[in-house]
Amino acid sequence: MYVGTLSFDLLLGDVHSLKEKRSLVRPIVAELQRRYAVSAAETGSQDLHRRAEIGLAMVSGDTGHLADVLDRCERLVAGRPEVELLSVRRRLHSDED
């Protein structure tokens, strides 16, 4: 069994409140969950209105499938025009870790 995680550090565009931030971040999280069946949530920078951190995790028995889904998730977030992807942290864990 393998676990893969991604953490995205995002800079948001023309956002002036936490309410506007939520209106940008929630659809991204929902699309990741719906399209790729991963666990995803806003995991950091909740008190800053122009920064966001989204974390996601996935479990798979096949490292190839796991890497493919994580790649697709990264491309989805990087392709969103309303956010700038500042950094991505990826971790893979196995039963033996």
PDB file of N, CA and C in Angstrom:
ATOM      1  N   MET A   1       0.850  -1.170   0.000  1.00  0.00           N
ATOM      2  CA  MET A   1       0.000   0.000   0.000  1.00  0.00           C
ATOM      3  C   MET A   1       0.898   1.236   0.000  1.00  0.00           C
ATOM      4  N   TYR A   2       0.529   2.191  -0.811  1.00  0.00           N
ATOM      5  CA  TYR A   2       1.306   3.431  -0.938  1.00  0.00           C
ATOM      6  C   TYR A   2       0.389   4.626  -0.693  1.00  0.00           C
ATOM      7  N   VAL A   3       0.960   5.650  -0.063  1.00  0.00           N
ATOM      8  CA  VAL A   3       0.245   6.894   0.192  1.00  0.00           C
ATOM      9  C   VAL A   3       1.020   8.012  -0.483  1.00  0.00           C
ATOM     10  N   GLY A   4       0.316   8.833  -1.243  1.00  0.00           N
ATOM     11  CA  GLY A   4       0.929   9.988  -1.876  1.00  0.00           C
ATOM     12  C   GLY A   4       0.258  11.247  -1.369  1.00  0.00           C
ATOM     13  N   THR A   5       1.061  12.275  -1.124  1.00  0.00           N
ATOM     14  CA  THR A   5       0.509  13.558  -0.691  1.00  0.00           C
ATOM     15  C   THR A   5       1.089  14.666  -1.545  1.00  0.00           C
ATOM     16  N   LEU A   6       0.288  15.691  -1.744  1.00  0.00           N
ATOM     17  CA  LEU A   6       0.722  16.921  -2.400  1.00  0.00           C
ATOM     18  C   LEU A   6       0.310  18.085  -1.528  1.00  0.00           C
ATOM     19  N   SER A   7       1.144  19.103  -1.505  1.00  0.00           N
ATOM     20  CA  SER A   7       0.813  20.341  -0.822  1.00  0.00           C
ATOM     21  C   SER A   7       1.127  21.490  -1.772  1.00  0.00           C
ATOM     22  N   PHE A   8       0.116  22.284  -2.081  1.00  0.00           N
ATOM     23  CA  PHE A   8       0.259  23.405  -3.002  1.00  0.00           C
ATOM     24  C   PHE A   8       0.285  24.717  -2.228  1.00  0.00           C
ATOM     25  N   ASP A   9       1.268  25.555  -2.496  1.00  0.00           N
ATOM     26  CA  ASP A   9       1.323  26.912  -1.956  1.00  0.00           C
ATOM     27  C   ASP A   9       0.887  27.837  -3.081  1.00  0.00           C
ATOM     28  N   LEU A  10      -0.222  28.551  -2.869  1.00  0.00           N
ATOM     29  CA  LEU A  10      -0.832  29.349  -3.921  1.00  0.00           C
ATOM     30  C   LEU A  10      -0.854  30.828  -3.578  1.00  0.00           C
ATOM     31  N   LEU A  11      -0.657  31.655  -4.589  1.00  0.00           N
ATOM     32  CA  LEU A  11      -0.866  33.093  -4.488  1.00  0.00           C
ATOM     33  C   LEU A  11      -2.132  33.390  -5.267  1.00  0.00           C
ATOM     34  N   LEU A  12      -3.081  34.034  -4.609  1.00  0.00           N
ATOM     35  CA  LEU A  12      -4.363  34.323  -5.238  1.00  0.00           C
ATOM     36  C   LEU A  12      -4.310  35.696  -5.891  1.00  0.00           C
ATOM     37  N   GLY A  13      -5.055  35.859  -6.956  1.00  0.00           N
ATOM     38  CA  GLY A  13      -5.055  37.106  -7.721  1.00  0.00           C
ATOM     39  C   GLY A  13      -5.726  38.247  -6.978  1.00  0.00           C
ATOM     40  N   ASP A  14      -6.704  38.847  -7.595  1.00  0.00           N
ATOM     41  CA  ASP A  14      -7.372  40.047  -7.095  1.00  0.00           C
ATOM     42  C   ASP A  14      -8.386  39.684  -6.014  1.00  0.00           C
ATOM     43  N   VAL A  15      -7.872  39.373  -4.827  1.00  0.00           N
ATOM     44  CA  VAL A  15      -8.705  38.951  -3.705  1.00  0.00           C
ATOM     45  C   VAL A  15      -8.513  39.944  -2.568  1.00  0.00           C
ATOM     46  N   HIS A  16      -9.648  40.424  -2.015  1.00  0.00           N
ATOM     47  CA  HIS A  16      -9.567  41.462  -0.979  1.00  0.00           C
ATOM     48  C   HIS A  16     -10.178  41.046   0.356  1.00  0.00           C
ATOM     49  N   SER A  17     -10.671  39.801   0.432  1.00  0.00           N
ATOM     50  CA  SER A  17     -11.269  39.359   1.692  1.00  0.00           C
ATOM     51  C   SER A  17     -11.160  37.843   1.790  1.00  0.00           C
ATOM     52  N   LEU A  18     -11.367  37.352   3.007  1.00  0.00           N
ATOM     53  CA  LEU A  18     -11.362  35.907   3.210  1.00  0.00           C
ATOM     54  C   LEU A  18     -12.558  35.255   2.520  1.00  0.00           C
ATOM     55  N   LYS A  19     -13.662  35.989   2.403  1.00  0.00           N
ATOM     56  CA  LYS A  19     -14.833  35.460   1.700  1.00  0.00           C
ATOM     57  C   LYS A  19     -14.517  35.255   0.215  1.00  0.00           C
ATOM     58  N   GLU A  20     -13.852  36.219  -0.404  1.00  0.00           N
ATOM     59  CA  GLU A  20     -13.444  36.068  -1.805  1.00  0.00           C
ATOM     60  C   GLU A  20     -12.451  34.925  -1.957  1.00  0.00           C
ATOM     61  N   LYS A  21     -11.558  34.783  -0.978  1.00  0.00           N
ATOM     62  CA  LYS A  21     -10.586  33.688  -1.010  1.00  0.00           C
ATOM     63  C   LYS A  21     -11.302  32.348  -1.016  1.00  0.00           C
ATOM     64  N   ARG A  22     -12.270  32.178  -0.128  1.00  0.00           N
ATOM     65  CA  ARG A  22     -13.021  30.927  -0.061  1.00  0.00           C
ATOM     66  C   ARG A  22     -13.730  30.628  -1.378  1.00  0.00           C
ATOM     67  N   SER A  23     -14.204  31.678  -2.052  1.00  0.00           N
ATOM     68  CA  SER A  23     -14.918  31.466  -3.313  1.00  0.00           C
ATOM     69  C   SER A  23     -13.977  30.998  -4.423  1.00  0.00           C
ATOM     70  N   LEU A  24     -12.675  31.186  -4.267  1.00  0.00           N
ATOM     71  CA  LEU A  24     -11.699  30.670  -5.220  1.00  0.00           C
ATOM     72  C   LEU A  24     -11.174  29.294  -4.822  1.00  0.00           C
ATOM     73  N   VAL A  25     -10.921  29.099  -3.533  1.00  0.00           N
ATOM     74  CA  VAL A  25     -10.274  27.871  -3.059  1.00  0.00           C
ATOM     75  C   VAL A  25     -11.248  26.698  -3.032  1.00  0.00           C
ATOM     76  N   ARG A  26     -12.467  26.919  -2.573  1.00  0.00           N
ATOM     77  CA  ARG A  26     -13.421  25.804  -2.446  1.00  0.00           C
ATOM     78  C   ARG A  26     -13.711  25.082  -3.759  1.00  0.00           C
ATOM     79  N   PRO A  27     -13.889  25.801  -4.878  1.00  0.00           N
ATOM     80  CA  PRO A  27     -14.111  25.074  -6.137  1.00  0.00           C
ATOM     81  C   PRO A  27     -12.907  24.237  -6.582  1.00  0.00           C
ATOM     82  N   ILE A  28     -11.702  24.685  -6.291  1.00  0.00           N
ATOM     83  CA  ILE A  28     -10.502  23.909  -6.635  1.00  0.00           C
ATOM     84  C   ILE A  28     -10.476  22.619  -5.827  1.00  0.00           C
ATOM     85  N   VAL A  29     -10.702  22.733  -4.526  1.00  0.00           N
ATOM     86  CA  VAL A  29     -10.728  21.556  -3.645  1.00  0.00           C
ATOM     87  C   VAL A  29     -11.825  20.592  -4.100  1.00  0.00           C
ATOM     88  N   ALA A  30     -13.006  21.124  -4.400  1.00  0.00           N
ATOM     89  CA  ALA A  30     -14.125  20.274  -4.819  1.00  0.00           C
ATOM     90  C   ALA A  30     -13.824  19.565  -6.133  1.00  0.00           C
ATOM     91  N   GLU A  31     -13.192  20.256  -7.072  1.00  0.00           N
ATOM     92  CA  GLU A  31     -12.877  19.621  -8.355  1.00  0.00           C
ATOM     93  C   GLU A  31     -11.834  18.520  -8.194  1.00  0.00           C
ATOM     94  N   LEU A  32     -10.823  18.752  -7.352  1.00  0.00           N
ATOM     95  CA  LEU A  32      -9.835  17.700  -7.078  1.00  0.00           C
ATOM     96  C   LEU A  32     -10.510  16.457  -6.505  1.00  0.00           C
ATOM     97  N   GLN A  33     -11.402  16.666  -5.542  1.00  0.00           N
ATOM     98  CA  GLN A  33     -12.095  15.545  -4.912  1.00  0.00           C
ATOM     99  C   GLN A  33     -12.986  14.809  -5.902  1.00  0.00           C
ATOM    100  N   ARG A  34     -13.740  15.553  -6.696  1.00  0.00           N
ATOM    101  CA  ARG A  34     -14.694  14.954  -7.631  1.00  0.00           C
ATOM    102  C   ARG A  34     -13.992  14.257  -8.781  1.00  0.00           C
ATOM    103  N   ARG A  35     -13.021  14.920  -9.366  1.00  0.00           N
ATOM    104  CA  ARG A  35     -12.398  14.392 -10.580  1.00  0.00           C
ATOM    105  C   ARG A  35     -11.433  13.244 -10.298  1.00  0.00           C
ATOM    106  N   TYR A  36     -10.701  13.310  -9.173  1.00  0.00           N
ATOM    107  CA  TYR A  36      -9.639  12.331  -8.932  1.00  0.00           C
ATOM    108  C   TYR A  36      -9.834  11.467  -7.691  1.00  0.00           C
ATOM    109  N   ALA A  37     -10.928  11.618  -6.989  1.00  0.00           N
ATOM    110  CA  ALA A  37     -11.233  10.812  -5.799  1.00  0.00           C
ATOM    111  C   ALA A  37     -10.095  10.835  -4.783  1.00  0.00           C
ATOM    112  N   VAL A  38      -9.574  12.041  -4.520  1.00  0.00           N
ATOM    113  CA  VAL A  38      -8.533  12.229  -3.508  1.00  0.00           C
ATOM    114  C   VAL A  38      -9.158  12.942  -2.311  1.00  0.00           C
ATOM    115  N   SER A  39      -8.489  12.863  -1.186  1.00  0.00           N
ATOM    116  CA  SER A  39      -8.874  13.672  -0.032  1.00  0.00           C
ATOM    117  C   SER A  39      -8.150  14.998  -0.161  1.00  0.00           C
ATOM    118  N   ALA A  40      -8.888  16.097  -0.151  1.00  0.00           N
ATOM    119  CA  ALA A  40      -8.283  17.414  -0.344  1.00  0.00           C
ATOM    120  C   ALA A  40      -8.944  18.424   0.585  1.00  0.00           C
ATOM    121  N   ALA A  41      -8.151  19.412   1.019  1.00  0.00           N
ATOM    122  CA  ALA A  41      -8.660  20.457   1.904  1.00  0.00           C
ATOM    123  C   ALA A  41      -7.708  21.638   1.896  1.00  0.00           C
ATOM    124  N   GLU A  42      -8.236  22.793   2.305  1.00  0.00           N
ATOM    125  CA  GLU A  42      -7.354  23.937   2.554  1.00  0.00           C
ATOM    126  C   GLU A  42      -6.651  23.654   3.875  1.00  0.00           C
ATOM    127  N   THR A  43      -5.323  23.634   3.842  1.00  0.00           N
ATOM    128  CA  THR A  43      -4.569  23.168   5.008  1.00  0.00           C
ATOM    129  C   THR A  43      -3.687  24.222   5.658  1.00  0.00           C
ATOM    130  N   GLY A  44      -3.621  25.406   5.098  1.00  0.00           N
ATOM    131  CA  GLY A  44      -2.762  26.422   5.700  1.00  0.00           C
ATOM    132  C   GLY A  44      -3.083  27.799   5.169  1.00  0.00           C
ATOM    133  N   SER A  45      -2.487  28.797   5.799  1.00  0.00           N
ATOM    134  CA  SER A  45      -2.657  30.204   5.425  1.00  0.00           C
ATOM    135  C   SER A  45      -4.120  30.634   5.461  1.00  0.00           C
ATOM    136  N   GLN A  46      -4.911  30.073   6.367  1.00  0.00           N
ATOM    137  CA  GLN A  46      -6.330  30.400   6.412  1.00  0.00           C
ATOM    138  C   GLN A  46      -6.607  31.846   6.802  1.00  0.00           C
ATOM    139  N   ASP A  47      -5.675  32.489   7.496  1.00  0.00           N
ATOM    140  CA  ASP A  47      -5.904  33.868   7.930  1.00  0.00           C
ATOM    141  C   ASP A  47      -5.370  34.904   6.940  1.00  0.00           C
ATOM    142  N   LEU A  48      -4.756  34.474   5.848  1.00  0.00           N
ATOM    143  CA  LEU A  48      -4.240  35.384   4.830  1.00  0.00           C
ATOM    144  C   LEU A  48      -5.156  35.337   3.619  1.00  0.00           C
ATOM    145  N   HIS A  49      -5.594  36.507   3.144  1.00  0.00           N
ATOM    146  CA  HIS A  49      -6.572  36.483   2.057  1.00  0.00           C
ATOM    147  C   HIS A  49      -5.965  36.346   0.664  1.00  0.00           C
ATOM    148  N   ARG A  50      -4.668  36.521   0.489  1.00  0.00           N
ATOM    149  CA  ARG A  50      -4.066  36.353  -0.839  1.00  0.00           C
ATOM    150  C   ARG A  50      -3.195  35.110  -0.963  1.00  0.00           C
ATOM    151  N   ARG A  51      -3.104  34.323   0.082  1.00  0.00           N
ATOM    152  CA  ARG A  51      -2.321  33.073   0.052  1.00  0.00           C
ATOM    153  C   ARG A  51      -3.219  31.921   0.466  1.00  0.00           C
ATOM    154  N   ALA A  52      -2.922  30.753  -0.092  1.00  0.00           N
ATOM    155  CA  ALA A  52      -3.682  29.553   0.277  1.00  0.00           C
ATOM    156  C   ALA A  52      -2.762  28.354   0.184  1.00  0.00           C
ATOM    157  N   GLU A  53      -3.015  27.394   1.029  1.00  0.00           N
ATOM    158  CA  GLU A  53      -2.331  26.109   0.947  1.00  0.00           C
ATOM    159  C   GLU A  53      -3.411  25.041   0.824  1.00  0.00           C
ATOM    160  N   ILE A  54      -3.286  24.214  -0.201  1.00  0.00           N
ATOM    161  CA  ILE A  54      -4.203  23.095  -0.390  1.00  0.00           C
ATOM    162  C   ILE A  54      -3.385  21.818  -0.269  1.00  0.00           C
ATOM    163  N   GLY A  55      -3.867  20.901   0.542  1.00  0.00           N
ATOM    164  CA  GLY A  55      -3.213  19.609   0.698  1.00  0.00           C
ATOM    165  C   GLY A  55      -4.124  18.512   0.207  1.00  0.00           C
ATOM    166  N   LEU A  56      -3.525  17.465  -0.339  1.00  0.00           N
ATOM    167  CA  LEU A  56      -4.313  16.319  -0.751  1.00  0.00           C
ATOM    168  C   LEU A  56      -3.554  15.042  -0.495  1.00  0.00           C
ATOM    169  N   ALA A  57      -4.293  13.963  -0.359  1.00  0.00           N
ATOM    170  CA  ALA A  57      -3.704  12.644  -0.106  1.00  0.00           C
ATOM    171  C   ALA A  57      -4.489  11.595  -0.873  1.00  0.00           C
ATOM    172  N   MET A  58      -3.761  10.523  -1.211  1.00  0.00           N
ATOM    173  CA  MET A  58      -4.365   9.416  -1.936  1.00  0.00           C
ATOM    174  C   MET A  58      -3.667   8.128  -1.538  1.00  0.00           C
ATOM    175  N   VAL A  59      -4.410   7.043  -1.496  1.00  0.00           N
ATOM    176  CA  VAL A  59      -3.870   5.721  -1.187  1.00  0.00           C
ATOM    177  C   VAL A  59      -4.076   4.838  -2.410  1.00  0.00           C
ATOM    178  N   SER A  60      -3.038   4.045  -2.753  1.00  0.00           N
ATOM    179  CA  SER A  60      -3.129   3.136  -3.893  1.00  0.00           C
ATOM    180  C   SER A  60      -2.197   1.955  -3.680  1.00  0.00           C
ATOM    181  N   GLY A  61      -2.508   0.861  -4.305  1.00  0.00           N
ATOM    182  CA  GLY A  61      -1.637  -0.303  -4.269  1.00  0.00           C
ATOM    183  C   GLY A  61      -0.599  -0.286  -5.375  1.00  0.00           C
ATOM    184  N   ASP A  62      -0.694   0.673  -6.285  1.00  0.00           N
ATOM    185  CA  ASP A  62       0.174   0.749  -7.456  1.00  0.00           C
ATOM    186  C   ASP A  62       0.846   2.115  -7.511  1.00  0.00           C
ATOM    187  N   THR A  63       2.167   2.143  -7.426  1.00  0.00           N
ATOM    188  CA  THR A  63       2.881   3.433  -7.437  1.00  0.00           C
ATOM    189  C   THR A  63       2.722   4.154  -8.768  1.00  0.00           C
ATOM    190  N   GLY A  64       2.607   3.421  -9.872  1.00  0.00           N
ATOM    191  CA  GLY A  64       2.419   4.067 -11.166  1.00  0.00           C
ATOM    192  C   GLY A  64       1.115   4.830 -11.233  1.00  0.00           C
ATOM    193  N   HIS A  65       0.044   4.199 -10.764  1.00  0.00           N
ATOM    194  CA  HIS A  65      -1.264   4.860 -10.730  1.00  0.00           C
ATOM    195  C   HIS A  65      -1.236   6.059  -9.791  1.00  0.00           C
ATOM    196  N   LEU A  66      -0.619   5.886  -8.644  1.00  0.00           N
ATOM    197  CA  LEU A  66      -0.513   6.958  -7.662  1.00  0.00           C
ATOM    198  C   LEU A  66       0.211   8.161  -8.263  1.00  0.00           C
ATOM    199  N   ALA A  67       1.355   7.937  -8.897  1.00  0.00           N
ATOM    200  CA  ALA A  67       2.118   9.029  -9.505  1.00  0.00           C
ATOM    201  C   ALA A  67       1.326   9.707 -10.615  1.00  0.00           C
ATOM    202  N   ASP A  68       0.587   8.929 -11.401  1.00  0.00           N
ATOM    203  CA  ASP A  68      -0.213   9.484 -12.490  1.00  0.00           C
ATOM    204  C   ASP A  68      -1.301  10.411 -11.958  1.00  0.00           C
ATOM    205  N   VAL A  69      -2.009   9.986 -10.930  1.00  0.00           N
ATOM    206  CA  VAL A  69      -3.076  10.811 -10.366  1.00  0.00           C
ATOM    207  C   VAL A  69      -2.494  12.070  -9.728  1.00  0.00           C
ATOM    208  N   LEU A  70      -1.383  11.959  -9.010  1.00  0.00           N
ATOM    209  CA  LEU A  70      -0.762  13.142  -8.411  1.00  0.00           C
ATOM    210  C   LEU A  70      -0.301  14.118  -9.491  1.00  0.00           C
ATOM    211  N   ASP A  71       0.244  13.616 -10.583  1.00  0.00           N
ATOM    212  CA  ASP A  71       0.632  14.480 -11.707  1.00  0.00           C
ATOM    213  C   ASP A  71      -0.572  15.222 -12.267  1.00  0.00           C
ATOM    214  N   ARG A  72      -1.689  14.509 -12.425  1.00  0.00           N
ATOM    215  CA  ARG A  72      -2.904  15.135 -12.962  1.00  0.00           C
ATOM    216  C   ARG A  72      -3.437  16.207 -12.021  1.00  0.00           C
ATOM    217  N   CYS A  73      -3.385  15.943 -10.729  1.00  0.00           N
ATOM    218  CA  CYS A  73      -3.825  16.935  -9.743  1.00  0.00           C
ATOM    219  C   CYS A  73      -2.951  18.186  -9.818  1.00  0.00           C
ATOM    220  N   GLU A  74      -1.653  17.984  -9.932  1.00  0.00           N
ATOM    221  CA  GLU A  74      -0.736  19.119 -10.013  1.00  0.00           C
ATOM    222  C   GLU A  74      -1.012  19.947 -11.271  1.00  0.00           C
ATOM    223  N   ARG A  75      -1.237  19.284 -12.393  1.00  0.00           N
ATOM    224  CA  ARG A  75      -1.535  20.011 -13.636  1.00  0.00           C
ATOM    225  C   ARG A  75      -2.849  20.781 -13.532  1.00  0.00           C
ATOM    226  N   LEU A  76      -3.845  20.194 -12.872  1.00  0.00           N
ATOM    227  CA  LEU A  76      -5.124  20.882 -12.704  1.00  0.00           C
ATOM    228  C   LEU A  76      -4.943  22.184 -11.935  1.00  0.00           C
ATOM    229  N   VAL A  77      -4.237  22.118 -10.808  1.00  0.00           N
ATOM    230  CA  VAL A  77      -4.049  23.316  -9.990  1.00  0.00           C
ATOM    231  C   VAL A  77      -3.174  24.330 -10.724  1.00  0.00           C
ATOM    232  N   ALA A  78      -2.108  23.879 -11.367  1.00  0.00           N
ATOM    233  CA  ALA A  78      -1.209  24.791 -12.083  1.00  0.00           C
ATOM    234  C   ALA A  78      -1.918  25.473 -13.245  1.00  0.00           C
ATOM    235  N   GLY A  79      -2.931  24.826 -13.804  1.00  0.00           N
ATOM    236  CA  GLY A  79      -3.634  25.385 -14.946  1.00  0.00           C
ATOM    237  C   GLY A  79      -4.748  26.350 -14.601  1.00  0.00           C
ATOM    238  N   ARG A  80      -5.019  26.534 -13.320  1.00  0.00           N
ATOM    239  CA  ARG A  80      -6.095  27.452 -12.927  1.00  0.00           C
ATOM    240  C   ARG A  80      -5.620  28.888 -13.090  1.00  0.00           C
ATOM    241  N   PRO A  81      -6.297  29.706 -13.901  1.00  0.00           N
ATOM    242  CA  PRO A  81      -5.825  31.070 -14.171  1.00  0.00           C
ATOM    243  C   PRO A  81      -5.965  32.020 -12.985  1.00  0.00           C
ATOM    244  N   GLU A  82      -6.834  31.704 -12.027  1.00  0.00           N
ATOM    245  CA  GLU A  82      -7.070  32.623 -10.914  1.00  0.00           C
ATOM    246  C   GLU A  82      -6.047  32.478  -9.787  1.00  0.00           C
ATOM    247  N   VAL A  83      -5.155  31.495  -9.894  1.00  0.00           N
ATOM    248  CA  VAL A  83      -4.127  31.302  -8.860  1.00  0.00           C
ATOM    249  C   VAL A  83      -2.754  31.168  -9.514  1.00  0.00           C
ATOM    250  N   GLU A  84      -1.745  31.544  -8.752  1.00  0.00           N
ATOM    251  CA  GLU A  84      -0.355  31.325  -9.169  1.00  0.00           C
ATOM    252  C   GLU A  84       0.229  30.263  -8.256  1.00  0.00           C
ATOM    253  N   LEU A  85       0.732  29.204  -8.850  1.00  0.00           N
ATOM    254  CA  LEU A  85       1.313  28.100  -8.083  1.00  0.00           C
ATOM    255  C   LEU A  85       2.739  28.473  -7.701  1.00  0.00           C
ATOM    256  N   LEU A  86       2.976  28.712  -6.404  1.00  0.00           N
ATOM    257  CA  LEU A  86       4.302  29.117  -5.931  1.00  0.00           C
ATOM    258  C   LEU A  86       5.203  27.924  -5.684  1.00  0.00           C
ATOM    259  N   SER A  87       4.639  26.852  -5.116  1.00  0.00           N
ATOM    260  CA  SER A  87       5.443  25.655  -4.875  1.00  0.00           C
ATOM    261  C   SER A  87       4.534  24.452  -4.687  1.00  0.00           C
ATOM    262  N   VAL A  88       5.131  23.287  -4.916  1.00  0.00           N
ATOM    263  CA  VAL A  88       4.439  22.015  -4.718  1.00  0.00           C
ATOM    264  C   VAL A  88       5.371  21.100  -3.947  1.00  0.00           C
ATOM    265  N   ARG A  89       4.857  20.460  -2.901  1.00  0.00           N
ATOM    266  CA  ARG A  89       5.622  19.455  -2.162  1.00  0.00           C
ATOM    267  C   ARG A  89       4.926  18.117  -2.354  1.00  0.00           C
ATOM    268  N   ARG A  90       5.687  17.133  -2.776  1.00  0.00           N
ATOM    269  CA  ARG A  90       5.146  15.796  -3.034  1.00  0.00           C
ATOM    270  C   ARG A  90       5.870  14.801  -2.144  1.00  0.00           C
ATOM    271  N   ARG A  91       5.095  13.904  -1.550  1.00  0.00           N
ATOM    272  CA  ARG A  91       5.675  12.836  -0.741  1.00  0.00           C
ATOM    273  C   ARG A  91       4.995  11.522  -1.081  1.00  0.00           C
ATOM    274  N   LEU A  92       5.805  10.478  -1.131  1.00  0.00           N
ATOM    275  CA  LEU A  92       5.289   9.133  -1.331  1.00  0.00           C
ATOM    276  C   LEU A  92       5.739   8.292  -0.144  1.00  0.00           C
ATOM    277  N   HIS A  93       4.818   7.539   0.425  1.00  0.00           N
ATOM    278  CA  HIS A  93       5.106   6.683   1.571  1.00  0.00           C
ATOM    279  C   HIS A  93       4.639   5.275   1.245  1.00  0.00           C
ATOM    280  N   SER A  94       5.327   4.301   1.808  1.00  0.00           N
ATOM    281  CA  SER A  94       4.909   2.901   1.637  1.00  0.00           C
ATOM    282  C   SER A  94       4.702   2.266   3.000  1.00  0.00           C
ATOM    283  N   ASP A  95       4.227   1.032   3.007  1.00  0.00           N
ATOM    284  CA  ASP A  95       4.024   0.287   4.254  1.00  0.00           C
ATOM    285  C   ASP A  95       5.315   0.155   5.042  1.00  0.00           C
ATOM    286  N   GLU A  96       6.432   0.168   4.338  1.00  0.00           N
ATOM    287  CA  GLU A  96       7.723  -0.081   4.980  1.00  0.00           C
ATOM    288  C   GLU A  96       8.329   1.159   5.624  1.00  0.00           C
ATOM    289  N   ASP A  97       7.716   2.322   5.439  1.00  0.00           N
ATOM    290  CA  ASP A  97       8.244   3.563   6.034  1.00  0.00           C
ATOM    291  C   ASP A  97       7.998   3.604   7.522  1.00  0.00           C
TER     292      ASP A  97
END
